[in-house]
Amino acid sequence: VPLVESGGGLVQPGGSLRLSCAASGFTFSSFAMNWYRQAPRKGRELVATITSEGLRTTYANSVKGRFTISRDNTKNTVYLQMNSLQSEDTAVYLCNTIIVLTSYWGRGTQVTVSS
């Protein structure tokens, strides 16, 4: 189940980035999708979740009001719009889905927030 993230990079505090995760190999529109992040020396954190049809979303308290998860089922892609970025948002961001109790991960995309 290939999941390929893109869109990371270096951004100044207060800036924005839009991450994408392109999926293939499964019926994308049937499964919820998640964005996680992992910062150095920290555990993996669930950032945002979107249901299969995109009708419901949930967010970690640390990003609520700043990040928006969305999906385009015609393009098999899930997005994470990140605004008002802070240094604490620096991490590798990973796309995830769970299919039949098996968790699938992309390789991640690095986001660095620094002046």
N, C-alpha and C. Protein backbone atom coordinates (compact mmCIF):
# COMPACT_ATOMS: atom_id res chain seq x y z
N VAL A 1 0.86 -1.19 0.00
CA VAL A 1 0.00 0.00 0.00
C VAL A 1 0.89 1.23 0.00
N PRO A 2 1.30 1.65 -1.17
CA PRO A 2 2.18 2.83 -1.22
C PRO A 2 1.48 4.10 -0.76
N LEU A 3 2.14 4.81 0.14
CA LEU A 3 1.73 6.14 0.56
C LEU A 3 2.95 7.03 0.40
N VAL A 4 2.80 8.08 -0.39
CA VAL A 4 3.95 8.93 -0.70
C VAL A 4 3.65 10.36 -0.32
N GLU A 5 4.38 10.85 0.68
CA GLU A 5 4.19 12.22 1.14
C GLU A 5 5.07 13.18 0.37
N SER A 6 4.62 14.42 0.28
CA SER A 6 5.40 15.48 -0.36
C SER A 6 4.96 16.81 0.21
N GLY A 7 5.75 17.85 -0.07
CA GLY A 7 5.37 19.20 0.31
C GLY A 7 6.10 19.76 1.51
N GLY A 8 6.93 18.96 2.15
CA GLY A 8 7.68 19.47 3.28
C GLY A 8 8.76 20.44 2.86
N GLY A 9 9.40 21.04 3.86
CA GLY A 9 10.48 21.97 3.57
C GLY A 9 10.81 22.83 4.76
N LEU A 10 11.58 23.87 4.49
CA LEU A 10 11.98 24.84 5.51
C LEU A 10 11.08 26.06 5.39
N VAL A 11 10.52 26.48 6.52
CA VAL A 11 9.61 27.63 6.53
C VAL A 11 9.89 28.44 7.78
N GLN A 12 9.68 29.74 7.68
CA GLN A 12 9.87 30.61 8.83
C GLN A 12 8.69 30.52 9.78
N PRO A 13 8.89 30.81 11.05
CA PRO A 13 7.77 30.85 11.99
C PRO A 13 6.67 31.78 11.48
N GLY A 14 5.44 31.30 11.61
CA GLY A 14 4.30 32.05 11.11
C GLY A 14 3.93 31.71 9.67
N GLY A 15 4.77 30.95 9.02
CA GLY A 15 4.52 30.59 7.63
C GLY A 15 3.57 29.42 7.48
N SER A 16 3.40 29.01 6.21
CA SER A 16 2.45 27.94 5.88
C SER A 16 3.10 26.92 4.95
N LEU A 17 2.60 25.72 5.03
CA LEU A 17 2.97 24.66 4.10
C LEU A 17 1.74 23.80 3.86
N ARG A 18 1.72 23.17 2.70
CA ARG A 18 0.66 22.21 2.40
C ARG A 18 1.31 20.88 2.05
N LEU A 19 1.03 19.88 2.86
CA LEU A 19 1.53 18.54 2.60
C LEU A 19 0.52 17.75 1.81
N SER A 20 1.03 16.83 1.00
CA SER A 20 0.18 15.92 0.25
C SER A 20 0.63 14.50 0.51
N CYS A 21 -0.31 13.59 0.42
CA CYS A 21 -0.02 12.16 0.51
C CYS A 21 -0.78 11.46 -0.59
N ALA A 22 -0.06 10.92 -1.54
CA ALA A 22 -0.67 10.20 -2.66
C ALA A 22 -0.72 8.73 -2.33
N ALA A 23 -1.89 8.15 -2.48
CA ALA A 23 -2.11 6.75 -2.12
C ALA A 23 -2.41 5.92 -3.36
N SER A 24 -2.08 4.64 -3.27
CA SER A 24 -2.40 3.71 -4.35
C SER A 24 -2.46 2.31 -3.79
N GLY A 25 -3.02 1.41 -4.57
CA GLY A 25 -3.02 0.01 -4.17
C GLY A 25 -4.18 -0.42 -3.30
N PHE A 26 -5.11 0.50 -3.03
CA PHE A 26 -6.29 0.13 -2.26
C PHE A 26 -7.41 1.11 -2.62
N THR A 27 -8.60 0.80 -2.18
CA THR A 27 -9.75 1.65 -2.48
C THR A 27 -9.73 2.84 -1.51
N PHE A 28 -9.07 3.88 -1.96
CA PHE A 28 -8.78 5.03 -1.10
C PHE A 28 -10.04 5.59 -0.45
N SER A 29 -11.11 5.68 -1.19
CA SER A 29 -12.32 6.33 -0.69
C SER A 29 -13.04 5.54 0.40
N SER A 30 -12.56 4.35 0.69
CA SER A 30 -13.20 3.50 1.70
C SER A 30 -12.55 3.59 3.07
N PHE A 31 -11.46 4.33 3.19
CA PHE A 31 -10.69 4.28 4.43
C PHE A 31 -10.37 5.68 4.96
N ALA A 32 -10.43 5.77 6.29
CA ALA A 32 -9.96 6.99 6.94
C ALA A 32 -8.46 7.14 6.74
N MET A 33 -8.02 8.37 6.79
CA MET A 33 -6.61 8.66 6.62
C MET A 33 -6.13 9.53 7.79
N ASN A 34 -4.86 9.34 8.14
CA ASN A 34 -4.28 10.05 9.27
C ASN A 34 -2.98 10.73 8.88
N TRP A 35 -2.70 11.82 9.54
CA TRP A 35 -1.37 12.43 9.51
C TRP A 35 -0.79 12.33 10.92
N TYR A 36 0.43 11.81 10.98
CA TYR A 36 1.20 11.77 12.22
C TYR A 36 2.44 12.65 12.03
N ARG A 37 3.11 12.91 13.13
CA ARG A 37 4.42 13.56 13.05
C ARG A 37 5.32 12.98 14.14
N GLN A 38 6.61 13.03 13.82
CA GLN A 38 7.59 12.54 14.78
C GLN A 38 8.75 13.53 14.82
N ALA A 39 8.92 14.14 15.98
CA ALA A 39 10.01 15.07 16.19
C ALA A 39 11.18 14.33 16.83
N PRO A 40 12.39 14.87 16.69
CA PRO A 40 13.55 14.21 17.30
C PRO A 40 13.37 14.00 18.80
N ARG A 41 13.67 12.80 19.24
CA ARG A 41 13.62 12.45 20.67
C ARG A 41 12.20 12.52 21.24
N LYS A 42 11.22 12.45 20.37
CA LYS A 42 9.82 12.42 20.84
C LYS A 42 9.09 11.25 20.18
N GLY A 43 8.01 10.85 20.80
CA GLY A 43 7.20 9.79 20.24
C GLY A 43 6.39 10.28 19.06
N ARG A 44 5.82 9.35 18.35
CA ARG A 44 4.99 9.68 17.19
C ARG A 44 3.65 10.23 17.68
N GLU A 45 3.24 11.34 17.12
CA GLU A 45 2.02 12.03 17.54
C GLU A 45 0.98 12.04 16.42
N LEU A 46 -0.24 11.66 16.76
CA LEU A 46 -1.34 11.75 15.79
C LEU A 46 -1.75 13.21 15.66
N VAL A 47 -1.66 13.75 14.47
CA VAL A 47 -1.92 15.16 14.24
C VAL A 47 -3.36 15.40 13.79
N ALA A 48 -3.82 14.60 12.83
CA ALA A 48 -5.16 14.83 12.28
C ALA A 48 -5.67 13.56 11.62
N THR A 49 -6.99 13.42 11.61
CA THR A 49 -7.66 12.28 11.01
C THR A 49 -8.83 12.78 10.18
N ILE A 50 -9.08 12.10 9.07
CA ILE A 50 -10.25 12.42 8.25
C ILE A 50 -10.94 11.12 7.88
N THR A 51 -12.26 11.11 7.97
CA THR A 51 -13.01 9.91 7.64
C THR A 51 -12.99 9.65 6.14
N SER A 52 -13.49 8.49 5.75
CA SER A 52 -13.34 8.03 4.37
C SER A 52 -13.95 9.00 3.36
N GLU A 53 -15.11 9.58 3.69
CA GLU A 53 -15.75 10.50 2.74
C GLU A 53 -15.43 11.96 3.05
N GLY A 54 -14.57 12.16 4.05
CA GLY A 54 -14.16 13.52 4.36
C GLY A 54 -15.16 14.32 5.15
N LEU A 55 -16.13 13.65 5.75
CA LEU A 55 -17.19 14.38 6.43
C LEU A 55 -16.83 14.77 7.85
N ARG A 56 -15.89 14.05 8.43
CA ARG A 56 -15.49 14.36 9.81
C ARG A 56 -13.98 14.41 9.92
N THR A 57 -13.50 15.36 10.70
CA THR A 57 -12.08 15.50 10.95
C THR A 57 -11.83 15.67 12.45
N THR A 58 -10.68 15.23 12.89
CA THR A 58 -10.27 15.46 14.27
C THR A 58 -8.81 15.91 14.27
N TYR A 59 -8.45 16.66 15.31
CA TYR A 59 -7.12 17.24 15.39
C TYR A 59 -6.54 17.11 16.79
N ALA A 60 -5.23 17.04 16.84
CA ALA A 60 -4.54 17.16 18.12
C ALA A 60 -4.74 18.58 18.64
N ASN A 61 -4.81 18.71 19.95
CA ASN A 61 -5.00 20.04 20.54
C ASN A 61 -3.88 21.00 20.13
N SER A 62 -2.70 20.46 19.92
CA SER A 62 -1.55 21.30 19.61
C SER A 62 -1.64 21.96 18.23
N VAL A 63 -2.51 21.45 17.36
CA VAL A 63 -2.60 22.02 16.01
C VAL A 63 -4.00 22.55 15.68
N LYS A 64 -4.92 22.35 16.58
CA LYS A 64 -6.31 22.76 16.33
C LYS A 64 -6.37 24.26 16.04
N GLY A 65 -7.08 24.59 14.97
CA GLY A 65 -7.20 25.99 14.58
C GLY A 65 -6.11 26.47 13.65
N ARG A 66 -5.05 25.68 13.50
CA ARG A 66 -3.95 26.06 12.62
C ARG A 66 -3.81 25.10 11.43
N PHE A 67 -4.09 23.83 11.63
CA PHE A 67 -3.94 22.82 10.58
C PHE A 67 -5.33 22.39 10.09
N THR A 68 -5.39 22.03 8.82
CA THR A 68 -6.62 21.52 8.22
C THR A 68 -6.30 20.29 7.38
N ILE A 69 -6.97 19.19 7.70
CA ILE A 69 -6.83 17.98 6.89
C ILE A 69 -7.98 17.93 5.89
N SER A 70 -7.68 17.48 4.68
CA SER A 70 -8.71 17.34 3.66
C SER A 70 -8.30 16.20 2.73
N ARG A 71 -9.22 15.81 1.87
CA ARG A 71 -8.91 14.74 0.94
C ARG A 71 -9.65 14.97 -0.37
N ASP A 72 -9.07 14.40 -1.42
CA ASP A 72 -9.70 14.39 -2.73
C ASP A 72 -9.75 12.95 -3.18
N ASN A 73 -10.91 12.33 -3.05
CA ASN A 73 -11.03 10.91 -3.39
C ASN A 73 -10.93 10.65 -4.90
N THR A 74 -11.07 11.67 -5.70
CA THR A 74 -10.88 11.49 -7.15
C THR A 74 -9.41 11.42 -7.51
N LYS A 75 -8.57 11.94 -6.61
CA LYS A 75 -7.12 11.95 -6.85
C LYS A 75 -6.37 11.02 -5.91
N ASN A 76 -7.11 10.30 -5.04
CA ASN A 76 -6.48 9.40 -4.06
C ASN A 76 -5.40 10.13 -3.25
N THR A 77 -5.74 11.31 -2.81
CA THR A 77 -4.76 12.14 -2.12
C THR A 77 -5.38 12.76 -0.87
N VAL A 78 -4.59 12.79 0.19
CA VAL A 78 -4.98 13.48 1.41
C VAL A 78 -3.98 14.62 1.63
N TYR A 79 -4.49 15.72 2.17
CA TYR A 79 -3.68 16.93 2.34
C TYR A 79 -3.64 17.35 3.81
N LEU A 80 -2.62 18.10 4.13
CA LEU A 80 -2.55 18.75 5.43
C LEU A 80 -2.09 20.18 5.21
N GLN A 81 -3.01 21.11 5.36
CA GLN A 81 -2.68 22.53 5.26
C GLN A 81 -2.25 23.00 6.65
N MET A 82 -1.05 23.53 6.71
CA MET A 82 -0.47 23.95 7.99
C MET A 82 -0.20 25.45 7.95
N ASN A 83 -0.88 26.17 8.82
CA ASN A 83 -0.72 27.61 8.91
C ASN A 83 -0.15 28.00 10.28
N SER A 84 0.33 29.22 10.36
CA SER A 84 0.88 29.74 11.63
C SER A 84 1.86 28.76 12.24
N LEU A 85 2.78 28.29 11.42
CA LEU A 85 3.72 27.26 11.88
C LEU A 85 4.65 27.81 12.95
N GLN A 86 4.97 26.93 13.89
CA GLN A 86 5.83 27.27 15.02
C GLN A 86 7.00 26.31 15.05
N SER A 87 8.04 26.68 15.78
CA SER A 87 9.22 25.81 15.85
C SER A 87 8.86 24.44 16.40
N GLU A 88 7.86 24.40 17.26
CA GLU A 88 7.44 23.11 17.84
C GLU A 88 6.80 22.18 16.81
N ASP A 89 6.47 22.70 15.64
CA ASP A 89 5.89 21.88 14.58
C ASP A 89 6.96 21.17 13.76
N THR A 90 8.21 21.45 14.01
CA THR A 90 9.30 20.79 13.29
C THR A 90 9.27 19.29 13.56
N ALA A 91 9.18 18.52 12.49
CA ALA A 91 9.07 17.07 12.62
C ALA A 91 9.05 16.44 11.23
N VAL A 92 9.14 15.14 11.22
CA VAL A 92 8.82 14.38 10.01
C VAL A 92 7.33 14.08 10.06
N TYR A 93 6.62 14.41 8.99
CA TYR A 93 5.18 14.20 8.91
C TYR A 93 4.90 12.96 8.05
N LEU A 94 4.10 12.06 8.62
CA LEU A 94 3.84 10.78 7.97
C LEU A 94 2.36 10.58 7.74
N CYS A 95 2.07 9.99 6.61
CA CYS A 95 0.72 9.64 6.22
C CYS A 95 0.47 8.19 6.67
N ASN A 96 -0.76 7.91 7.08
CA ASN A 96 -1.07 6.59 7.62
C ASN A 96 -2.50 6.21 7.31
N THR A 97 -2.71 4.92 7.11
CA THR A 97 -4.05 4.37 7.07
C THR A 97 -4.03 2.98 7.67
N ILE A 98 -5.18 2.53 8.11
CA ILE A 98 -5.30 1.19 8.69
C ILE A 98 -6.31 0.41 7.85
N ILE A 99 -5.84 -0.72 7.33
CA ILE A 99 -6.69 -1.57 6.49
C ILE A 99 -6.66 -2.96 7.06
N VAL A 100 -7.82 -3.46 7.47
CA VAL A 100 -7.93 -4.81 8.04
C VAL A 100 -6.90 -4.99 9.14
N LEU A 101 -6.91 -4.08 10.08
CA LEU A 101 -6.07 -4.13 11.28
C LEU A 101 -4.57 -3.98 10.99
N THR A 102 -4.20 -3.71 9.76
CA THR A 102 -2.79 -3.49 9.43
C THR A 102 -2.57 -2.00 9.16
N SER A 103 -1.54 -1.48 9.80
CA SER A 103 -1.23 -0.05 9.68
C SER A 103 -0.18 0.15 8.60
N TYR A 104 -0.47 1.06 7.67
CA TYR A 104 0.45 1.35 6.57
C TYR A 104 0.95 2.79 6.71
N TRP A 105 2.24 2.95 6.39
CA TRP A 105 2.90 4.24 6.56
C TRP A 105 3.65 4.65 5.30
N GLY A 106 3.68 5.95 5.08
CA GLY A 106 4.60 6.48 4.10
C GLY A 106 5.96 6.67 4.74
N ARG A 107 6.91 7.17 3.94
CA ARG A 107 8.26 7.40 4.46
C ARG A 107 8.37 8.74 5.17
N GLY A 108 7.42 9.61 4.92
CA GLY A 108 7.43 10.89 5.62
C GLY A 108 8.05 12.01 4.81
N THR A 109 7.72 13.23 5.23
CA THR A 109 8.30 14.43 4.64
C THR A 109 8.71 15.36 5.77
N GLN A 110 9.91 15.90 5.67
CA GLN A 110 10.46 16.73 6.74
C GLN A 110 9.90 18.15 6.67
N VAL A 111 9.44 18.61 7.81
CA VAL A 111 9.02 20.01 7.96
C VAL A 111 9.91 20.65 9.02
N THR A 112 10.58 21.72 8.64
CA THR A 112 11.44 22.43 9.56
C THR A 112 10.99 23.88 9.65
N VAL A 113 10.67 24.31 10.85
CA VAL A 113 10.23 25.69 11.08
C VAL A 113 11.35 26.42 11.82
N SER A 114 11.97 27.35 11.13
CA SER A 114 13.11 28.03 11.70
C SER A 114 13.34 29.36 10.99
N SER A 115 13.83 30.33 11.73
CA SER A 115 14.16 31.62 11.13
C SER A 115 15.62 31.63 10.71
